[in-house]
Amino acid sequence: MDNKNITVSNGLDIEKAVEMVGGSRFELILIAATRSREIAQAHNINNPSDIKSTKPNIQALREIEDGKIGREYLDKVAHAR
């Protein structure tokens, strides 16, 4: 199976998201999970109109793919706690 261009049914390009966080799938999972929890709790929503129509995990991955959040996000979240 070729993993180079994985696109899920909602149009997300997972490999692009991995590249946006520095090439680590592990970091992608950490960042997306953390951001997804925040979205679910309605913290710092980048586009409030999307929250009703999009699941938090998809919204988090979309924000990563669009370059709105990246590796520095984990540092920001860690220092805020």
C-alpha atoms as a PDB file:
ATOM      1  CA  MET A   1       0.000   0.000   0.000  1.00  0.00           C
ATOM      2  CA  ASP A   2       1.352   3.410  -1.008  1.00  0.00           C
ATOM      3  CA  ASN A   3       1.143   5.849   1.926  1.00  0.00           C
ATOM      4  CA  LYS A   4       2.370   8.901   0.035  1.00  0.00           C
ATOM      5  CA  ASN A   5      -0.990  10.474  -0.823  1.00  0.00           C
ATOM      6  CA  ILE A   6      -3.532   9.406   1.754  1.00  0.00           C
ATOM      7  CA  THR A   7      -6.695  11.447   1.378  1.00  0.00           C
ATOM      8  CA  VAL A   8      -9.681  10.730   3.578  1.00  0.00           C
ATOM      9  CA  SER A   9     -13.251  11.069   2.383  1.00  0.00           C
ATOM     10  CA  ASN A  10     -13.618  14.645   3.680  1.00  0.00           C
ATOM     11  CA  GLY A  11     -10.817  15.903   1.429  1.00  0.00           C
ATOM     12  CA  LEU A  12      -8.002  16.068   3.983  1.00  0.00           C
ATOM     13  CA  ASP A  13      -4.521  15.199   2.761  1.00  0.00           C
ATOM     14  CA  ILE A  14      -2.952  13.413   5.718  1.00  0.00           C
ATOM     15  CA  GLU A  15       0.553  13.470   4.240  1.00  0.00           C
ATOM     16  CA  LYS A  16       0.345  17.254   3.840  1.00  0.00           C
ATOM     17  CA  ALA A  17      -0.689  17.518   7.492  1.00  0.00           C
ATOM     18  CA  VAL A  18       2.283  15.322   8.477  1.00  0.00           C
ATOM     19  CA  GLU A  19       4.611  17.600   6.494  1.00  0.00           C
ATOM     20  CA  MET A  20       3.134  20.691   8.161  1.00  0.00           C
ATOM     21  CA  VAL A  21       4.166  19.371  11.607  1.00  0.00           C
ATOM     22  CA  GLY A  22       7.680  18.414  10.554  1.00  0.00           C
ATOM     23  CA  GLY A  23       7.218  14.935   9.131  1.00  0.00           C
ATOM     24  CA  SER A  24       6.262  13.047  12.285  1.00  0.00           C
ATOM     25  CA  ARG A  25       2.960  11.172  12.342  1.00  0.00           C
ATOM     26  CA  PHE A  26       3.304  10.877  16.115  1.00  0.00           C
ATOM     27  CA  GLU A  27       3.459  14.655  16.512  1.00  0.00           C
ATOM     28  CA  LEU A  28       0.522  15.023  14.114  1.00  0.00           C
ATOM     29  CA  ILE A  29      -1.531  12.770  16.376  1.00  0.00           C
ATOM     30  CA  LEU A  30      -0.500  14.663  19.526  1.00  0.00           C
ATOM     31  CA  ILE A  31      -1.246  18.068  18.014  1.00  0.00           C
ATOM     32  CA  ALA A  32      -4.536  16.993  16.419  1.00  0.00           C
ATOM     33  CA  ALA A  33      -5.749  15.280  19.597  1.00  0.00           C
ATOM     34  CA  THR A  34      -4.908  18.280  21.759  1.00  0.00           C
ATOM     35  CA  ARG A  35      -6.508  20.741  19.357  1.00  0.00           C
ATOM     36  CA  SER A  36      -9.539  18.475  18.899  1.00  0.00           C
ATOM     37  CA  ARG A  37     -10.163  18.484  22.652  1.00  0.00           C
ATOM     38  CA  GLU A  38      -9.955  22.268  22.711  1.00  0.00           C
ATOM     39  CA  ILE A  39     -12.378  22.589  19.809  1.00  0.00           C
ATOM     40  CA  ALA A  40     -14.806  20.192  21.489  1.00  0.00           C
ATOM     41  CA  GLN A  41     -14.687  22.440  24.557  1.00  0.00           C
ATOM     42  CA  ALA A  42     -15.061  25.529  22.299  1.00  0.00           C
ATOM     43  CA  HIS A  43     -11.663  27.056  23.162  1.00  0.00           C
ATOM     44  CA  ASN A  44     -10.126  29.488  20.683  1.00  0.00           C
ATOM     45  CA  ILE A  45     -12.165  28.491  17.651  1.00  0.00           C
ATOM     46  CA  ASN A  46     -10.627  29.826  14.420  1.00  0.00           C
ATOM     47  CA  ASN A  47     -13.898  29.647  12.500  1.00  0.00           C
ATOM     48  CA  PRO A  48     -16.964  29.327  14.782  1.00  0.00           C
ATOM     49  CA  SER A  49     -19.315  28.591  11.868  1.00  0.00           C
ATOM     50  CA  ASP A  50     -17.434  25.319  11.186  1.00  0.00           C
ATOM     51  CA  ILE A  51     -17.929  23.929  14.685  1.00  0.00           C
ATOM     52  CA  LYS A  52     -21.527  22.810  14.106  1.00  0.00           C
ATOM     53  CA  SER A  53     -20.896  21.192  10.726  1.00  0.00           C
ATOM     54  CA  THR A  54     -17.494  19.611  11.335  1.00  0.00           C
ATOM     55  CA  LYS A  55     -16.337  17.108  13.933  1.00  0.00           C
ATOM     56  CA  PRO A  56     -13.570  18.440  16.190  1.00  0.00           C
ATOM     57  CA  ASN A  57     -10.955  15.953  14.968  1.00  0.00           C
ATOM     58  CA  ILE A  58     -11.563  16.869  11.324  1.00  0.00           C
ATOM     59  CA  GLN A  59     -11.472  20.586  12.145  1.00  0.00           C
ATOM     60  CA  ALA A  60      -8.169  20.104  13.998  1.00  0.00           C
ATOM     61  CA  LEU A  61      -6.617  18.251  11.054  1.00  0.00           C
ATOM     62  CA  ARG A  62      -7.899  20.915   8.664  1.00  0.00           C
ATOM     63  CA  GLU A  63      -6.274  23.650  10.772  1.00  0.00           C
ATOM     64  CA  ILE A  64      -2.977  21.727  10.706  1.00  0.00           C
ATOM     65  CA  GLU A  65      -3.170  21.135   6.962  1.00  0.00           C
ATOM     66  CA  ASP A  66      -3.923  24.836   6.371  1.00  0.00           C
ATOM     67  CA  GLY A  67      -0.891  25.826   8.460  1.00  0.00           C
ATOM     68  CA  LYS A  68      -2.923  27.571  11.177  1.00  0.00           C
ATOM     69  CA  ILE A  69      -1.284  25.439  13.876  1.00  0.00           C
ATOM     70  CA  GLY A  70       1.920  23.410  13.910  1.00  0.00           C
ATOM     71  CA  ARG A  71       4.643  21.999  16.157  1.00  0.00           C
ATOM     72  CA  GLU A  72       4.844  25.182  18.208  1.00  0.00           C
ATOM     73  CA  TYR A  73       1.240  24.565  19.258  1.00  0.00           C
ATOM     74  CA  LEU A  74       2.298  21.782  21.654  1.00  0.00           C
ATOM     75  CA  ASP A  75       4.791  24.119  23.369  1.00  0.00           C
ATOM     76  CA  LYS A  76       2.142  26.828  23.696  1.00  0.00           C
ATOM     77  CA  VAL A  77      -0.342  24.377  25.198  1.00  0.00           C
ATOM     78  CA  ALA A  78       2.269  22.848  27.551  1.00  0.00           C
ATOM     79  CA  HIS A  79       3.264  26.271  28.919  1.00  0.00           C
ATOM     80  CA  ALA A  80      -0.350  27.329  29.388  1.00  0.00           C
ATOM     81  CA  ARG A  81      -1.056  24.466  31.796  1.00  0.00           C
END
